[in-house]
């Protein structure tokens, strides 16, 4: 999950193919209207190679909002499926409407999926309906992750949004809701009155590597000297959170004794905890800029989905009446 080299070789326009259940992930996107679910689906499709160019909700050119009503209202009103492929895994993205009027479509998506991505806006926060759906997923043990969008907004604050998610979604165990990456800001654009600097990349808390998107495509590099002190506390909290949910009971003793825990071990335990639905990572994502090939955080999100979320075989078939 951002700590390994991606070997993706997708081709634009090619239909994803899966020849066994183990190479399928069924993921539903949940969040209030305007949180950015449809835009995120477009960004993931572009990064995976399913689209050459991502559509825009405002233009009525998205692949998931294809109905005329959706184009006129500039919002989703029905459940839609967008399949993409990443590292040989077919990911079925289920985009759901955010308005309560279309709750039936949301319920259908939850029923069909094996895991959920909760999309929250850094500018708007978490509403009550999103919290209720989270509790429904928790009641059945559905694996969940959180994606923070709208980082470009003047009042967006990823750290504050992460703290809100920990309080709202963490319940009695806020350390089960933690970020895997921290945003890295670039220079503020000239002429922007609020001086808000755009997010140019991400810093992996486990790998301690920088994933730079400023050139329009993900590039990995070593961190600058000033980066590591900035992530030290968040990294320690993440490691402790992963170890607390690990099935290896000796891991905590080793950590408390001061022994180094290998990053590979932490990543493996993280993936298991996410698949079991006991740890819920927080990630950041943004659509690609004009002319760019990959949106910020989309590679990291696809890695989480393909490596951390369960296959259909790992989830119990829901009862049907």
Protein backbone atom coordinates (compact mmCIF):
# COMPACT_ATOMS: atom_id res chain seq x y z
CA UNK A 1 0.00 0.00 0.00
CA UNK A 2 2.25 2.71 -1.24
CA UNK A 3 5.26 0.85 0.15
CA UNK A 4 5.69 -1.40 -2.86
CA UNK A 5 6.45 -0.75 -6.48
CA UNK A 6 3.37 -0.86 -8.68
CA UNK A 7 3.53 -3.12 -11.73
CA UNK A 8 0.32 -1.90 -13.32
CA UNK A 9 0.24 -2.14 -17.09
CA UNK A 10 -3.36 -1.23 -17.91
CA UNK A 11 -4.46 -0.15 -21.35
CA UNK A 12 -6.98 2.61 -21.92
CA UNK A 13 -10.37 1.39 -23.07
CA UNK A 14 -9.68 -2.29 -22.40
CA UNK A 15 -12.49 -4.06 -20.54
CA UNK A 16 -11.30 -5.52 -17.21
CA UNK A 17 -11.35 -9.31 -17.14
CA UNK A 18 -11.32 -11.55 -14.07
CA UNK A 19 -11.05 -15.32 -14.41
CA UNK A 20 -11.47 -16.19 -10.71
CA UNK A 21 -13.18 -14.69 -7.62
CA UNK A 22 -9.81 -14.05 -5.97
CA UNK A 23 -9.02 -11.41 -8.60
CA UNK A 24 -12.19 -9.37 -7.97
CA UNK A 25 -12.91 -6.57 -5.49
CA UNK A 26 -16.43 -5.19 -5.13
CA UNK A 27 -16.27 -1.73 -3.53
CA UNK A 28 -19.11 0.70 -2.81
CA UNK A 29 -18.49 4.45 -2.48
CA UNK A 30 -20.53 6.13 0.26
CA UNK A 31 -20.83 9.79 1.21
CA UNK A 32 -23.10 12.81 1.20
CA UNK A 33 -24.00 14.55 -2.03
CA UNK A 34 -21.16 16.77 -3.19
CA UNK A 35 -18.45 14.88 -1.33
CA UNK A 36 -16.82 13.89 -4.62
CA UNK A 37 -17.70 10.22 -5.09
CA UNK A 38 -18.36 10.43 -8.83
CA UNK A 39 -15.28 12.59 -9.39
CA UNK A 40 -13.20 10.07 -7.45
CA UNK A 41 -14.52 7.21 -9.60
CA UNK A 42 -13.48 9.16 -12.70
CA UNK A 43 -10.01 9.75 -11.25
CA UNK A 44 -9.55 6.08 -10.40
CA UNK A 45 -10.70 5.04 -13.87
CA UNK A 46 -8.22 7.43 -15.47
CA UNK A 47 -5.31 6.28 -13.30
CA UNK A 48 -6.09 2.63 -14.00
CA UNK A 49 -6.16 3.23 -17.75
CA UNK A 50 -9.88 2.61 -18.17
CA UNK A 51 -10.27 6.23 -19.30
CA UNK A 52 -7.91 8.41 -21.28
CA UNK A 53 -9.48 11.54 -19.85
CA UNK A 54 -11.66 11.85 -16.74
CA UNK A 55 -15.10 13.41 -17.19
CA UNK A 56 -16.57 16.22 -15.11
CA UNK A 57 -19.87 16.25 -13.24
CA UNK A 58 -20.41 19.87 -14.28
CA UNK A 59 -20.07 18.95 -17.96
CA UNK A 60 -22.26 15.83 -17.77
CA UNK A 61 -19.37 13.80 -19.16
CA UNK A 62 -18.76 11.26 -16.38
CA UNK A 63 -19.08 7.54 -17.07
CA UNK A 64 -21.15 6.81 -13.95
CA UNK A 65 -23.68 9.66 -14.23
CA UNK A 66 -25.08 8.76 -17.65
CA UNK A 67 -28.77 9.58 -17.18
CA UNK A 68 -30.19 12.86 -18.50
CA UNK A 69 -31.62 13.73 -15.09
CA UNK A 70 -28.18 13.33 -13.55
CA UNK A 71 -26.69 15.62 -16.18
CA UNK A 72 -29.29 18.32 -15.53
CA UNK A 73 -29.11 18.10 -11.73
CA UNK A 74 -25.33 17.51 -11.67
CA UNK A 75 -25.67 14.75 -9.09
CA UNK A 76 -26.11 10.99 -8.97
CA UNK A 77 -29.65 9.66 -8.65
CA UNK A 78 -29.02 5.95 -9.22
CA UNK A 79 -26.47 3.25 -8.51
CA UNK A 80 -23.84 2.81 -11.21
CA UNK A 81 -21.01 0.35 -11.82
CA UNK A 82 -17.59 1.32 -13.17
CA UNK A 83 -15.13 -1.61 -13.51
CA UNK A 84 -11.39 -0.90 -13.57
CA UNK A 85 -8.28 -3.08 -13.43
CA UNK A 86 -5.18 -2.69 -11.31
CA UNK A 87 -2.28 -5.13 -11.04
CA UNK A 88 -4.36 -7.94 -12.52
CA UNK A 89 -7.29 -7.36 -10.16
CA UNK A 90 -10.71 -6.29 -11.42
CA UNK A 91 -12.21 -3.61 -9.16
CA UNK A 92 -15.96 -3.06 -9.45
CA UNK A 93 -16.58 0.50 -8.22
CA UNK A 94 -20.19 1.06 -7.16
CA UNK A 95 -21.02 4.78 -7.16
CA UNK A 96 -24.05 5.57 -4.99
CA UNK A 97 -26.26 8.68 -4.76
CA UNK A 98 -25.64 10.90 -1.77
CA UNK A 99 -29.15 12.28 -1.26
CA UNK A 100 -31.42 10.50 1.21
CA UNK A 101 -34.18 10.46 -1.44
CA UNK A 102 -32.30 7.65 -3.20
CA UNK A 103 -31.50 5.49 -0.20
CA UNK A 104 -32.75 2.39 -2.01
CA UNK A 105 -29.92 2.72 -4.53
CA UNK A 106 -27.43 3.09 -1.67
CA UNK A 107 -28.77 -0.01 0.08
CA UNK A 108 -28.45 -2.02 -3.14
CA UNK A 109 -24.81 -0.96 -3.45
CA UNK A 110 -24.06 -1.91 0.15
CA UNK A 111 -25.69 -5.29 -0.37
CA UNK A 112 -23.61 -6.08 -3.45
CA UNK A 113 -20.24 -4.86 -2.16
CA UNK A 114 -17.62 -6.58 -0.01
CA UNK A 115 -16.03 -3.34 1.26
CA UNK A 116 -16.81 0.37 1.40
CA UNK A 117 -14.96 3.61 0.71
CA UNK A 118 -16.41 6.47 2.74
CA UNK A 119 -15.79 9.70 0.83
CA UNK A 120 -15.72 12.83 3.01
CA UNK A 121 -15.05 16.41 1.97
CA UNK A 122 -12.26 18.26 3.74
CA UNK A 123 -14.32 21.40 3.29
CA UNK A 124 -17.71 20.11 4.51
CA UNK A 125 -16.97 17.40 7.08
CA UNK A 126 -19.13 14.37 7.95
CA UNK A 127 -22.92 14.54 7.97
CA UNK A 128 -25.34 12.49 10.05
CA UNK A 129 -26.47 10.18 7.25
CA UNK A 130 -22.89 9.16 6.48
CA UNK A 131 -22.36 8.35 10.13
CA UNK A 132 -25.49 6.18 10.18
CA UNK A 133 -24.30 4.21 7.14
CA UNK A 134 -20.91 3.73 8.84
CA UNK A 135 -22.67 2.23 11.87
CA UNK A 136 -24.68 -0.07 9.60
CA UNK A 137 -21.46 -1.33 7.98
CA UNK A 138 -19.85 -1.76 11.39
CA UNK A 139 -22.78 -3.86 12.55
CA UNK A 140 -22.11 -6.43 9.80
CA UNK A 141 -18.31 -6.14 9.96
CA UNK A 142 -17.86 -4.71 6.47
CA UNK A 143 -14.29 -3.51 5.82
CA UNK A 144 -14.14 0.26 5.42
CA UNK A 145 -11.65 2.98 4.51
CA UNK A 146 -12.01 6.76 4.40
CA UNK A 147 -11.03 9.01 1.50
CA UNK A 148 -10.68 12.76 2.12
CA UNK A 149 -11.46 14.89 -0.93
CA UNK A 150 -11.67 18.61 -1.80
CA UNK A 151 -8.20 19.30 -0.46
CA UNK A 152 -7.99 22.27 -2.80
CA UNK A 153 -10.67 24.19 -0.85
CA UNK A 154 -9.45 27.24 1.03
CA UNK A 155 -10.71 25.90 4.37
CA UNK A 156 -9.53 22.34 3.79
CA UNK A 157 -7.38 20.87 6.55
CA UNK A 158 -6.44 17.19 6.24
CA UNK A 159 -5.18 16.94 9.82
CA UNK A 160 -8.36 18.42 11.24
CA UNK A 161 -10.49 16.22 8.99
CA UNK A 162 -8.59 13.14 10.15
CA UNK A 163 -9.25 14.07 13.78
CA UNK A 164 -12.96 14.47 13.00
CA UNK A 165 -13.04 11.04 11.35
CA UNK A 166 -11.32 9.49 14.35
CA UNK A 167 -13.95 10.95 16.69
CA UNK A 168 -16.95 10.22 14.48
CA UNK A 169 -15.98 6.81 13.08
CA UNK A 170 -13.55 5.54 15.71
CA UNK A 171 -16.04 5.29 18.56
CA UNK A 172 -14.35 3.62 21.50
CA UNK A 173 -11.23 2.90 19.45
CA UNK A 174 -10.10 6.07 17.61
CA UNK A 175 -6.68 4.50 16.99
CA UNK A 176 -8.38 2.14 14.54
CA UNK A 177 -8.95 5.16 12.25
CA UNK A 178 -5.59 6.60 11.20
CA UNK A 179 -3.98 8.06 8.07
CA UNK A 180 -1.49 6.06 6.01
CA UNK A 181 -0.09 9.17 4.28
CA UNK A 182 0.21 12.87 5.06
CA UNK A 183 -0.28 15.51 2.35
CA UNK A 184 2.74 17.45 1.10
CA UNK A 185 1.89 21.00 0.03
CA UNK A 186 3.46 22.87 -2.87
CA UNK A 187 3.84 26.60 -3.38
CA UNK A 188 0.71 28.80 -3.23
CA UNK A 189 -0.37 29.86 -6.74
CA UNK A 190 0.05 33.50 -7.63
CA UNK A 191 -3.06 35.58 -7.31
CA UNK A 192 -4.86 33.29 -4.84
CA UNK A 193 -6.03 35.67 -2.08
CA UNK A 194 -6.19 33.07 0.70
CA UNK A 195 -2.64 31.86 0.02
CA UNK A 196 -3.82 28.22 0.23
CA UNK A 197 -1.07 25.94 -1.09
CA UNK A 198 -2.22 22.98 -3.20
CA UNK A 199 -1.36 19.41 -2.22
CA UNK A 200 1.48 18.29 -4.49
CA UNK A 201 2.21 14.85 -3.07
CA UNK A 202 2.00 12.43 -0.17
CA UNK A 203 4.44 11.18 2.44
CA UNK A 204 4.11 7.50 3.33
CA UNK A 205 4.09 7.06 7.09
CA UNK A 206 5.34 3.47 6.97
CA UNK A 207 7.76 3.71 4.06
CA UNK A 208 8.91 7.26 4.89
CA UNK A 209 8.99 7.93 1.15
CA UNK A 210 7.59 10.87 -0.80
CA UNK A 211 5.11 10.20 -3.61
CA UNK A 212 5.20 13.35 -5.71
CA UNK A 213 2.29 14.12 -8.08
CA UNK A 214 3.34 17.67 -8.97
CA UNK A 215 4.43 16.67 -12.50
CA UNK A 216 1.08 15.01 -13.29
CA UNK A 217 2.25 11.46 -12.64
CA UNK A 218 3.29 9.70 -9.45
CA UNK A 219 7.04 9.81 -8.79
CA UNK A 220 8.67 8.24 -5.75
CA UNK A 221 11.66 9.82 -4.06
CA UNK A 222 13.44 10.14 -0.73
CA UNK A 223 12.05 12.69 1.74
CA UNK A 224 13.68 16.03 2.37
CA UNK A 225 15.47 16.39 5.73
CA UNK A 226 12.64 18.46 7.19
CA UNK A 227 9.96 15.89 6.32
CA UNK A 228 10.80 13.09 8.78
CA UNK A 229 10.37 15.14 11.99
CA UNK A 230 6.96 16.28 10.71
CA UNK A 231 5.66 12.72 10.36
CA UNK A 232 7.31 11.18 13.44
CA UNK A 233 4.29 11.38 15.77
CA UNK A 234 1.79 10.26 13.14
CA UNK A 235 4.06 7.37 12.13
CA UNK A 236 4.44 6.16 15.72
CA UNK A 237 0.67 6.33 16.24
CA UNK A 238 0.05 4.37 13.03
CA UNK A 239 2.56 1.66 13.94
CA UNK A 240 1.02 1.28 17.40
CA UNK A 241 -2.46 1.14 15.85
CA UNK A 242 -1.44 -1.62 13.43
CA UNK A 243 0.30 -3.63 16.13
CA UNK A 244 -2.73 -3.33 18.42
CA UNK A 245 -4.89 -5.00 15.74
CA UNK A 246 -2.28 -7.58 14.73
CA UNK A 247 -3.07 -11.28 15.08
CA UNK A 248 0.56 -11.79 16.16
CA UNK A 249 0.40 -11.37 19.93
CA UNK A 250 4.21 -11.26 20.23
CA UNK A 251 4.49 -8.19 18.01
CA UNK A 252 3.42 -5.76 20.75
CA UNK A 253 5.95 -7.23 23.19
CA UNK A 254 8.72 -6.84 20.63
CA UNK A 255 7.70 -3.26 19.94
CA UNK A 256 7.52 -2.32 23.64
CA UNK A 257 10.95 -3.89 24.17
CA UNK A 258 12.36 -1.48 21.59
CA UNK A 259 12.87 -4.01 18.80
CA UNK A 260 12.54 -2.78 15.23
CA UNK A 261 9.47 -4.10 13.42
CA UNK A 262 10.05 -4.56 9.69
CA UNK A 263 7.94 -2.42 7.37
CA UNK A 264 6.98 -5.55 5.42
CA UNK A 265 5.54 -7.07 8.60
CA UNK A 266 3.58 -3.90 9.37
CA UNK A 267 2.18 -3.71 5.83
CA UNK A 268 1.14 -7.36 5.94
CA UNK A 269 -0.60 -6.93 9.30
CA UNK A 270 -2.21 -3.70 8.09
CA UNK A 271 -3.69 -5.47 5.07
CA UNK A 272 -5.06 -8.26 7.27
CA UNK A 273 -6.59 -5.79 9.74
CA UNK A 274 -8.26 -3.84 6.92
CA UNK A 275 -9.67 -7.04 5.37
CA UNK A 276 -11.04 -8.12 8.76
CA UNK A 277 -12.79 -4.79 9.20
CA UNK A 278 -10.99 -3.84 12.42
CA UNK A 279 -8.71 -1.08 11.06
CA UNK A 280 -9.90 1.77 8.86
CA UNK A 281 -7.19 3.75 7.06
CA UNK A 282 -7.64 7.38 6.04
CA UNK A 283 -6.32 8.45 2.63
CA UNK A 284 -6.38 11.64 0.57
CA UNK A 285 -7.33 11.87 -3.10
CA UNK A 286 -7.82 14.53 -5.75
CA UNK A 287 -8.59 14.42 -9.50
CA UNK A 288 -5.81 14.91 -12.01
CA UNK A 289 -5.10 18.42 -13.21
CA UNK A 290 -5.64 19.28 -16.87
CA UNK A 291 -3.17 17.28 -18.95
CA UNK A 292 -2.05 15.08 -16.03
CA UNK A 293 -2.34 11.31 -16.15
CA UNK A 294 -2.81 10.48 -12.48
CA UNK A 295 -4.80 12.16 -9.75
CA UNK A 296 -3.24 12.67 -6.34
CA UNK A 297 -3.55 9.62 -4.11
CA UNK A 298 -5.29 7.47 -6.70
CA UNK A 299 -2.43 4.96 -6.96
CA UNK A 300 -2.32 4.61 -3.17
CA UNK A 301 -6.08 4.11 -3.07
CA UNK A 302 -6.04 1.42 -5.77
CA UNK A 303 -3.25 -0.36 -3.91
CA UNK A 304 -5.34 -0.33 -0.73
CA UNK A 305 -8.40 -1.68 -2.54
CA UNK A 306 -6.55 -4.50 -4.33
CA UNK A 307 -4.30 -5.54 -1.43
CA UNK A 308 -6.33 -4.74 1.67
CA UNK A 309 -9.99 -5.26 0.77
CA UNK A 310 -11.40 -8.82 0.76
CA UNK A 311 -12.35 -10.91 -2.25
CA UNK A 312 -15.94 -12.12 -2.74
CA UNK A 313 -14.85 -15.52 -1.42
CA UNK A 314 -13.75 -13.97 1.87
CA UNK A 315 -17.13 -12.36 2.58
CA UNK A 316 -20.20 -14.27 3.70
CA UNK A 317 -23.13 -14.23 1.29
CA UNK A 318 -25.84 -11.98 2.79
CA UNK A 319 -29.23 -13.53 3.54
CA UNK A 320 -31.88 -12.73 0.97
CA UNK A 321 -35.63 -12.65 1.68
